[in-house]
N, C-alpha and C. Protein backbone atom coordinates (compact mmCIF):
# COMPACT_ATOMS: atom_id res chain seq x y z
N UNK A 1 103.45 121.82 62.20
CA UNK A 1 102.86 120.68 61.57
C UNK A 1 103.17 119.45 62.42
N UNK A 2 102.15 118.68 62.77
CA UNK A 2 102.36 117.47 63.57
C UNK A 2 102.30 116.25 62.66
N UNK A 3 103.15 115.31 62.98
CA UNK A 3 103.18 114.07 62.22
C UNK A 3 102.63 112.96 63.09
N UNK A 4 101.88 112.10 62.48
CA UNK A 4 101.36 110.94 63.21
C UNK A 4 102.50 109.95 63.44
N UNK A 5 102.48 109.36 64.61
CA UNK A 5 103.47 108.33 64.92
C UNK A 5 103.19 107.10 64.08
N UNK A 6 104.22 106.43 63.63
CA UNK A 6 103.99 105.21 62.85
C UNK A 6 103.32 104.16 63.74
N UNK A 7 102.48 103.34 63.13
CA UNK A 7 101.80 102.27 63.85
C UNK A 7 102.79 101.12 64.01
N UNK A 8 103.56 101.17 65.08
CA UNK A 8 104.59 100.15 65.30
C UNK A 8 104.05 99.06 66.20
N UNK A 9 104.58 97.90 66.01
CA UNK A 9 104.19 96.79 66.86
C UNK A 9 105.37 96.39 67.72
N UNK A 10 105.06 95.72 68.81
CA UNK A 10 106.06 95.30 69.78
C UNK A 10 105.94 93.80 69.96
N UNK A 11 107.07 93.11 69.96
CA UNK A 11 107.07 91.67 70.19
C UNK A 11 106.82 91.40 71.67
N UNK A 12 105.83 90.58 71.95
CA UNK A 12 105.45 90.23 73.31
C UNK A 12 105.41 88.72 73.45
N UNK A 13 105.50 88.27 74.70
CA UNK A 13 105.33 86.86 75.00
C UNK A 13 104.09 86.66 75.84
N UNK A 14 103.27 85.71 75.43
CA UNK A 14 102.16 85.26 76.28
C UNK A 14 102.70 84.06 77.03
N UNK A 15 102.80 84.22 78.35
CA UNK A 15 103.45 83.22 79.20
C UNK A 15 102.40 82.53 80.06
N UNK A 16 102.03 81.28 79.71
CA UNK A 16 101.00 80.56 80.45
C UNK A 16 101.42 80.24 81.89
N UNK A 17 100.52 80.55 82.82
CA UNK A 17 100.69 80.15 84.22
C UNK A 17 99.40 79.45 84.62
N UNK A 18 99.40 78.84 85.76
CA UNK A 18 98.20 78.17 86.24
C UNK A 18 97.08 79.19 86.42
N UNK A 19 95.95 78.95 85.79
CA UNK A 19 94.81 79.84 85.94
C UNK A 19 94.89 81.11 85.12
N UNK A 20 95.71 81.14 84.07
CA UNK A 20 95.79 82.34 83.25
C UNK A 20 97.09 82.43 82.48
N UNK A 21 97.44 83.66 82.11
CA UNK A 21 98.68 83.89 81.38
C UNK A 21 99.15 85.31 81.63
N UNK A 22 100.45 85.49 81.53
CA UNK A 22 101.07 86.80 81.67
C UNK A 22 101.42 87.34 80.29
N UNK A 23 101.41 88.65 80.15
CA UNK A 23 101.82 89.32 78.92
C UNK A 23 102.99 90.23 79.25
N UNK A 24 104.12 89.98 78.60
CA UNK A 24 105.32 90.78 78.83
C UNK A 24 106.03 91.05 77.51
N UNK A 25 106.68 92.21 77.40
CA UNK A 25 107.48 92.45 76.20
C UNK A 25 108.59 91.41 76.09
N UNK A 26 108.82 90.96 74.89
CA UNK A 26 109.86 89.97 74.65
C UNK A 26 111.23 90.46 75.13
N UNK A 27 111.45 91.77 75.10
CA UNK A 27 112.74 92.32 75.50
C UNK A 27 113.05 92.12 76.98
N UNK A 28 112.04 91.83 77.81
CA UNK A 28 112.27 91.58 79.24
C UNK A 28 112.74 90.15 79.50
N UNK A 29 112.56 89.28 78.53
CA UNK A 29 112.84 87.86 78.71
C UNK A 29 114.20 87.54 78.08
N UNK A 30 115.11 87.05 78.91
CA UNK A 30 116.44 86.68 78.43
C UNK A 30 116.42 85.34 77.70
N UNK A 31 115.59 84.41 78.20
CA UNK A 31 115.55 83.07 77.62
C UNK A 31 114.35 82.32 78.17
N UNK A 32 113.81 81.44 77.37
CA UNK A 32 112.81 80.47 77.83
C UNK A 32 113.52 79.13 77.82
N UNK A 33 113.45 78.42 78.94
CA UNK A 33 114.21 77.18 79.07
C UNK A 33 113.37 76.11 79.74
N UNK A 34 113.79 74.87 79.57
CA UNK A 34 113.19 73.77 80.32
C UNK A 34 113.62 73.91 81.77
N UNK A 35 112.69 73.69 82.66
CA UNK A 35 113.02 73.79 84.09
C UNK A 35 113.82 72.57 84.49
N UNK A 36 114.81 72.83 85.30
CA UNK A 36 115.61 71.74 85.86
C UNK A 36 115.30 71.65 87.35
N UNK A 37 115.92 70.71 87.96
CA UNK A 37 115.74 70.55 89.40
C UNK A 37 116.30 71.79 90.12
N UNK A 38 115.60 72.19 91.17
CA UNK A 38 116.08 73.32 91.97
C UNK A 38 117.38 72.97 92.66
N UNK A 39 118.28 73.93 92.72
CA UNK A 39 119.52 73.70 93.45
C UNK A 39 119.30 73.87 94.94
N UNK A 40 118.29 74.67 95.32
CA UNK A 40 117.88 74.78 96.71
C UNK A 40 116.44 75.25 96.76
N UNK A 41 115.70 74.74 97.73
CA UNK A 41 114.29 75.10 97.89
C UNK A 41 114.17 76.20 98.94
N UNK A 42 113.04 76.91 98.92
CA UNK A 42 112.81 77.99 99.88
C UNK A 42 111.41 77.85 100.47
N UNK A 43 111.27 78.27 101.71
CA UNK A 43 109.96 78.33 102.36
C UNK A 43 109.41 79.72 102.14
N UNK A 44 108.59 79.87 101.11
CA UNK A 44 108.07 81.17 100.72
C UNK A 44 106.71 80.98 100.08
N UNK A 45 105.91 82.03 100.07
CA UNK A 45 104.63 81.93 99.38
C UNK A 45 104.72 82.27 97.90
N UNK A 46 105.93 82.64 97.42
CA UNK A 46 106.07 82.94 95.99
C UNK A 46 107.37 82.46 95.38
N UNK A 47 108.41 82.23 96.17
CA UNK A 47 109.67 81.73 95.62
C UNK A 47 109.80 80.23 95.88
N UNK A 48 110.03 79.49 94.79
CA UNK A 48 110.21 78.04 94.93
C UNK A 48 111.60 77.70 95.40
N UNK A 49 112.57 78.50 95.01
CA UNK A 49 113.96 78.25 95.39
C UNK A 49 114.89 78.84 94.36
N UNK A 50 116.10 78.30 94.34
CA UNK A 50 117.12 78.79 93.42
C UNK A 50 117.31 77.76 92.30
N UNK A 51 117.55 78.29 91.11
CA UNK A 51 117.68 77.49 89.91
C UNK A 51 119.03 77.79 89.28
N UNK A 52 119.72 76.77 88.82
CA UNK A 52 121.01 76.96 88.15
C UNK A 52 120.74 77.34 86.70
N UNK A 53 121.29 78.48 86.27
CA UNK A 53 121.14 78.96 84.89
C UNK A 53 122.43 79.64 84.47
N UNK A 54 123.05 79.15 83.42
CA UNK A 54 124.30 79.72 82.89
C UNK A 54 125.35 79.96 83.98
N UNK A 55 125.63 78.97 84.74
CA UNK A 55 126.63 78.99 85.80
C UNK A 55 126.34 80.01 86.91
N UNK A 56 125.09 80.35 87.11
CA UNK A 56 124.72 81.21 88.23
C UNK A 56 123.42 80.72 88.85
N UNK A 57 123.22 81.08 90.10
CA UNK A 57 122.01 80.73 90.82
C UNK A 57 121.03 81.89 90.70
N UNK A 58 119.82 81.61 90.21
CA UNK A 58 118.80 82.65 90.10
C UNK A 58 117.54 82.20 90.83
N UNK A 59 116.80 83.14 91.43
CA UNK A 59 115.56 82.75 92.11
C UNK A 59 114.47 82.37 91.12
N UNK A 60 113.67 81.37 91.50
CA UNK A 60 112.55 80.90 90.68
C UNK A 60 111.25 81.33 91.35
N UNK A 61 110.52 82.19 90.67
CA UNK A 61 109.27 82.76 91.17
C UNK A 61 108.09 81.96 90.65
N UNK A 62 107.14 81.68 91.51
CA UNK A 62 105.85 81.12 91.12
C UNK A 62 104.87 82.29 91.19
N UNK A 63 104.50 82.85 90.04
CA UNK A 63 103.66 84.05 90.02
C UNK A 63 102.31 83.79 90.67
N UNK A 64 101.81 82.56 90.56
CA UNK A 64 100.54 82.23 91.18
C UNK A 64 100.59 82.45 92.69
N UNK A 65 101.72 82.13 93.31
CA UNK A 65 101.89 82.36 94.74
C UNK A 65 101.86 83.83 95.08
N UNK A 66 102.47 84.63 94.24
CA UNK A 66 102.47 86.09 94.44
C UNK A 66 101.08 86.66 94.23
N UNK A 67 100.40 86.19 93.20
CA UNK A 67 99.05 86.67 92.88
C UNK A 67 98.03 86.24 93.93
N UNK A 68 98.10 84.97 94.34
CA UNK A 68 97.08 84.40 95.22
C UNK A 68 97.43 84.46 96.71
N UNK A 69 98.68 84.78 97.04
CA UNK A 69 99.08 84.86 98.44
C UNK A 69 99.52 83.54 99.04
N UNK A 70 99.46 82.46 98.25
CA UNK A 70 99.94 81.16 98.72
C UNK A 70 100.39 80.33 97.53
N UNK A 71 101.35 79.48 97.80
CA UNK A 71 101.93 78.65 96.76
C UNK A 71 100.93 77.56 96.35
N UNK A 72 100.80 77.27 95.05
CA UNK A 72 99.96 76.14 94.63
C UNK A 72 100.48 74.84 95.24
N UNK A 73 99.61 73.85 95.34
CA UNK A 73 99.94 72.59 96.00
C UNK A 73 101.22 71.94 95.48
N UNK A 74 101.30 71.66 94.20
CA UNK A 74 102.49 71.01 93.63
C UNK A 74 102.73 71.55 92.23
N UNK A 75 103.29 72.74 92.13
CA UNK A 75 103.50 73.29 90.79
C UNK A 75 104.54 72.47 90.03
N UNK A 76 104.20 72.03 88.81
CA UNK A 76 105.16 71.22 88.05
C UNK A 76 106.29 72.08 87.49
N UNK A 77 107.50 71.57 87.58
CA UNK A 77 108.67 72.26 87.04
C UNK A 77 108.86 71.80 85.59
N UNK A 78 108.31 72.57 84.65
CA UNK A 78 108.44 72.22 83.24
C UNK A 78 109.25 73.25 82.47
N UNK A 79 108.73 74.47 82.46
CA UNK A 79 109.37 75.53 81.69
C UNK A 79 109.50 76.77 82.56
N UNK A 80 110.52 77.56 82.27
CA UNK A 80 110.72 78.82 82.97
C UNK A 80 111.05 79.91 81.95
N UNK A 81 110.67 81.12 82.30
CA UNK A 81 111.10 82.29 81.54
C UNK A 81 112.14 82.99 82.39
N UNK A 82 113.35 83.09 81.89
CA UNK A 82 114.41 83.79 82.61
C UNK A 82 114.28 85.27 82.26
N UNK A 83 114.05 86.07 83.28
CA UNK A 83 113.80 87.49 83.12
C UNK A 83 115.07 88.29 83.40
N UNK A 84 115.20 89.41 82.72
CA UNK A 84 116.28 90.34 83.00
C UNK A 84 115.82 91.27 84.11
N UNK A 85 116.59 91.34 85.19
CA UNK A 85 116.25 92.22 86.30
C UNK A 85 116.38 93.68 85.89
N UNK A 86 115.36 94.47 86.19
CA UNK A 86 115.35 95.88 85.81
C UNK A 86 115.49 96.82 87.00
N UNK A 87 114.90 96.46 88.13
CA UNK A 87 114.84 97.34 89.29
C UNK A 87 116.19 97.51 89.99
N UNK A 88 116.89 96.41 90.19
CA UNK A 88 118.17 96.43 90.89
C UNK A 88 119.08 95.37 90.26
N UNK A 89 119.60 95.66 89.05
CA UNK A 89 120.36 94.65 88.32
C UNK A 89 121.65 94.20 89.01
N UNK A 90 122.17 95.00 89.95
CA UNK A 90 123.37 94.56 90.67
C UNK A 90 123.04 93.39 91.59
N UNK A 91 121.93 93.46 92.27
CA UNK A 91 121.52 92.39 93.20
C UNK A 91 120.70 91.31 92.52
N UNK A 92 119.93 91.69 91.53
CA UNK A 92 119.03 90.75 90.87
C UNK A 92 119.17 90.89 89.35
N UNK A 93 120.29 90.40 88.80
CA UNK A 93 120.47 90.53 87.35
C UNK A 93 119.47 89.69 86.55
N UNK A 94 119.09 88.53 87.09
CA UNK A 94 118.13 87.65 86.43
C UNK A 94 117.31 86.92 87.49
N UNK A 95 116.12 86.53 87.09
CA UNK A 95 115.27 85.65 87.89
C UNK A 95 114.40 84.88 86.92
N UNK A 96 113.79 83.83 87.39
CA UNK A 96 112.96 83.00 86.51
C UNK A 96 111.53 82.99 87.01
N UNK A 97 110.60 82.89 86.08
CA UNK A 97 109.18 82.72 86.39
C UNK A 97 108.77 81.35 85.90
N UNK A 98 108.14 80.58 86.77
CA UNK A 98 107.66 79.25 86.42
C UNK A 98 106.49 79.37 85.45
N UNK A 99 106.52 78.58 84.38
CA UNK A 99 105.46 78.60 83.38
C UNK A 99 104.73 77.26 83.35
N UNK A 100 103.44 77.31 82.99
CA UNK A 100 102.65 76.09 82.89
C UNK A 100 102.92 75.36 81.58
N UNK A 101 103.32 76.09 80.55
CA UNK A 101 103.66 75.49 79.26
C UNK A 101 104.53 76.48 78.49
N UNK A 102 104.86 76.13 77.28
CA UNK A 102 105.75 76.96 76.46
C UNK A 102 105.03 78.25 76.07
N UNK A 103 105.67 79.40 76.25
CA UNK A 103 105.05 80.67 75.85
C UNK A 103 105.05 80.82 74.33
N UNK A 104 104.25 81.77 73.86
CA UNK A 104 104.30 82.04 72.43
C UNK A 104 104.42 83.53 72.17
N UNK A 105 105.08 83.81 71.07
CA UNK A 105 105.38 85.17 70.66
C UNK A 105 104.18 85.76 69.92
N UNK A 106 103.91 87.02 70.21
CA UNK A 106 102.79 87.71 69.58
C UNK A 106 103.18 89.16 69.35
N UNK A 107 103.09 89.61 68.14
CA UNK A 107 103.40 90.99 67.82
C UNK A 107 102.12 91.81 68.00
N UNK A 108 102.19 92.85 68.84
CA UNK A 108 101.01 93.65 69.16
C UNK A 108 101.27 95.13 68.96
N UNK A 109 100.22 95.86 68.64
CA UNK A 109 100.27 97.31 68.66
C UNK A 109 99.21 97.80 69.64
N UNK A 110 99.14 99.09 69.87
CA UNK A 110 98.25 99.63 70.92
C UNK A 110 96.78 99.30 70.66
N UNK A 111 96.37 99.18 69.41
CA UNK A 111 94.98 98.88 69.12
C UNK A 111 94.59 97.45 69.49
N UNK A 112 95.57 96.56 69.65
CA UNK A 112 95.30 95.15 69.97
C UNK A 112 95.04 94.91 71.45
N UNK A 113 95.45 95.85 72.30
CA UNK A 113 95.41 95.64 73.75
C UNK A 113 94.32 96.53 74.36
N UNK A 114 93.39 95.91 75.08
CA UNK A 114 92.29 96.64 75.72
C UNK A 114 92.32 96.37 77.22
N UNK A 115 92.43 97.41 78.02
CA UNK A 115 92.48 97.26 79.48
C UNK A 115 91.11 96.84 79.99
N UNK A 116 91.10 95.79 80.81
CA UNK A 116 89.87 95.28 81.42
C UNK A 116 89.76 95.80 82.85
N UNK A 117 90.88 95.72 83.59
CA UNK A 117 90.86 96.09 85.01
C UNK A 117 92.28 96.49 85.42
N UNK A 118 92.37 97.42 86.37
CA UNK A 118 93.68 97.86 86.88
C UNK A 118 94.17 97.03 88.06
N UNK A 119 93.31 96.29 88.72
CA UNK A 119 93.68 95.37 89.81
C UNK A 119 94.50 96.01 90.92
N UNK A 120 94.01 97.10 91.49
CA UNK A 120 94.74 97.71 92.60
C UNK A 120 94.88 96.76 93.79
N UNK A 121 93.94 95.83 93.95
CA UNK A 121 93.99 94.89 95.07
C UNK A 121 95.10 93.86 94.91
N UNK A 122 95.48 93.55 93.70
CA UNK A 122 96.55 92.59 93.46
C UNK A 122 97.83 93.37 93.18
N UNK A 123 98.66 93.50 94.19
CA UNK A 123 99.82 94.38 94.07
C UNK A 123 100.81 93.98 92.98
N UNK A 124 100.90 92.72 92.65
CA UNK A 124 101.87 92.28 91.64
C UNK A 124 101.32 92.36 90.22
N UNK A 125 100.05 92.74 90.09
CA UNK A 125 99.42 92.83 88.77
C UNK A 125 99.21 94.29 88.43
N UNK A 126 99.82 94.73 87.35
CA UNK A 126 99.65 96.11 86.89
C UNK A 126 98.26 96.28 86.27
N UNK A 127 97.87 95.33 85.41
CA UNK A 127 96.57 95.43 84.76
C UNK A 127 96.18 94.07 84.19
N UNK A 128 94.89 93.92 83.99
CA UNK A 128 94.36 92.79 83.23
C UNK A 128 93.92 93.35 81.90
N UNK A 129 94.35 92.71 80.82
CA UNK A 129 94.03 93.21 79.49
C UNK A 129 93.39 92.10 78.67
N UNK A 130 92.76 92.52 77.59
CA UNK A 130 92.22 91.56 76.64
C UNK A 130 92.94 91.77 75.31
N UNK A 131 93.45 90.68 74.77
CA UNK A 131 94.17 90.70 73.50
C UNK A 131 93.57 89.60 72.62
N UNK A 132 92.96 90.00 71.53
CA UNK A 132 92.35 89.05 70.59
C UNK A 132 91.45 88.05 71.32
N UNK A 133 90.64 88.55 72.25
CA UNK A 133 89.68 87.72 72.97
C UNK A 133 90.24 86.95 74.15
N UNK A 134 91.51 87.05 74.42
CA UNK A 134 92.13 86.33 75.55
C UNK A 134 92.47 87.32 76.66
N UNK A 135 92.09 86.99 77.89
CA UNK A 135 92.42 87.84 79.04
C UNK A 135 93.80 87.46 79.56
N UNK A 136 94.62 88.49 79.77
CA UNK A 136 96.01 88.30 80.20
C UNK A 136 96.33 89.27 81.32
N UNK A 137 97.28 88.90 82.17
CA UNK A 137 97.73 89.77 83.24
C UNK A 137 99.07 90.40 82.86
N UNK A 138 99.17 91.68 83.06
CA UNK A 138 100.45 92.36 82.90
C UNK A 138 101.02 92.53 84.31
N UNK A 139 102.12 91.85 84.60
CA UNK A 139 102.68 91.96 85.96
C UNK A 139 103.29 93.34 86.19
N UNK A 140 103.26 93.77 87.44
CA UNK A 140 103.95 94.99 87.84
C UNK A 140 105.39 94.57 88.17
N UNK A 141 106.27 94.73 87.21
CA UNK A 141 107.64 94.21 87.33
C UNK A 141 108.36 94.82 88.52
N UNK A 142 108.13 96.09 88.82
CA UNK A 142 108.77 96.71 89.99
C UNK A 142 108.36 95.99 91.27
N UNK A 143 107.09 95.69 91.41
CA UNK A 143 106.59 95.00 92.61
C UNK A 143 107.14 93.58 92.67
N UNK A 144 107.12 92.88 91.53
CA UNK A 144 107.61 91.51 91.48
C UNK A 144 109.09 91.45 91.90
N UNK A 145 109.89 92.32 91.31
CA UNK A 145 111.32 92.29 91.62
C UNK A 145 111.60 92.73 93.05
N UNK A 146 110.86 93.71 93.56
CA UNK A 146 111.06 94.12 94.95
C UNK A 146 110.70 93.00 95.90
N UNK A 147 109.65 92.26 95.58
CA UNK A 147 109.24 91.13 96.42
C UNK A 147 110.34 90.06 96.45
N UNK A 148 110.93 89.78 95.29
CA UNK A 148 112.02 88.81 95.25
C UNK A 148 113.20 89.30 96.08
N UNK A 149 113.56 90.57 95.91
CA UNK A 149 114.66 91.14 96.70
C UNK A 149 114.37 91.06 98.19
N UNK A 150 113.13 91.36 98.58
CA UNK A 150 112.75 91.30 100.01
C UNK A 150 112.80 89.87 100.54
N UNK A 151 112.46 88.90 99.69
CA UNK A 151 112.52 87.49 100.12
C UNK A 151 113.97 87.04 100.27
N UNK A 152 114.82 87.48 99.38
CA UNK A 152 116.23 87.06 99.42
C UNK A 152 117.04 87.82 100.46
N UNK A 153 116.74 89.10 100.60
CA UNK A 153 117.44 89.96 101.56
C UNK A 153 116.40 90.74 102.36
N UNK A 154 115.82 90.11 103.39
CA UNK A 154 114.80 90.81 104.18
C UNK A 154 115.33 92.13 104.72
N UNK A 155 114.51 93.17 104.69
CA UNK A 155 114.95 94.50 105.14
C UNK A 155 115.53 94.50 106.55
N UNK A 156 114.96 93.74 107.48
CA UNK A 156 115.47 93.74 108.85
C UNK A 156 116.86 93.14 108.93
N UNK A 157 117.17 92.18 108.06
CA UNK A 157 118.50 91.58 108.07
C UNK A 157 119.53 92.57 107.56
N UNK A 158 119.14 93.42 106.59
CA UNK A 158 120.07 94.43 106.09
C UNK A 158 120.46 95.42 107.16
N UNK A 159 119.51 95.84 108.02
CA UNK A 159 119.84 96.79 109.08
C UNK A 159 120.68 96.13 110.16
N UNK A 160 120.43 94.84 110.42
CA UNK A 160 121.24 94.13 111.42
C UNK A 160 122.70 94.06 110.97
N UNK A 161 122.92 93.84 109.67
CA UNK A 161 124.30 93.71 109.20
C UNK A 161 125.05 95.03 109.17
N UNK A 162 124.33 96.16 109.24
CA UNK A 162 124.99 97.45 109.23
C UNK A 162 125.47 97.89 110.61
N UNK A 163 125.03 97.20 111.65
CA UNK A 163 125.43 97.57 113.01
C UNK A 163 126.88 97.25 113.30
């Protein structure tokens, strides 16, 4: 005898970015905070620099730069979502994503989310979905975190230090 799974919902955050919004499970987000001044800037097409958060320095990602291949002209530092690192928590326990405005919580179940496109061409985007008439991007967290790790510790520098 098979039992139907209960129709459970999952708490998600819709995180506004320039030109769209990201959809992520609330459990991936450690905190949403007001952006402060960067403690150090970086020359990168996706990392703005390092941000002080809870007595530690964490990288600040501009997802638009990762999605579009170049950093927006002058992204305003207003709000950030501090993410829990999943891929390599020893090296990247947390990082922040720059937000265009305050995110909002939305409880969703599988019937609420409809896949529009898989976006194989955009490596940092897992899928584009539609939720209650709004199109949202689901980031590929593995790709995002690997890109941050590669920016902070370029692979060639790691091999040089092993010599």
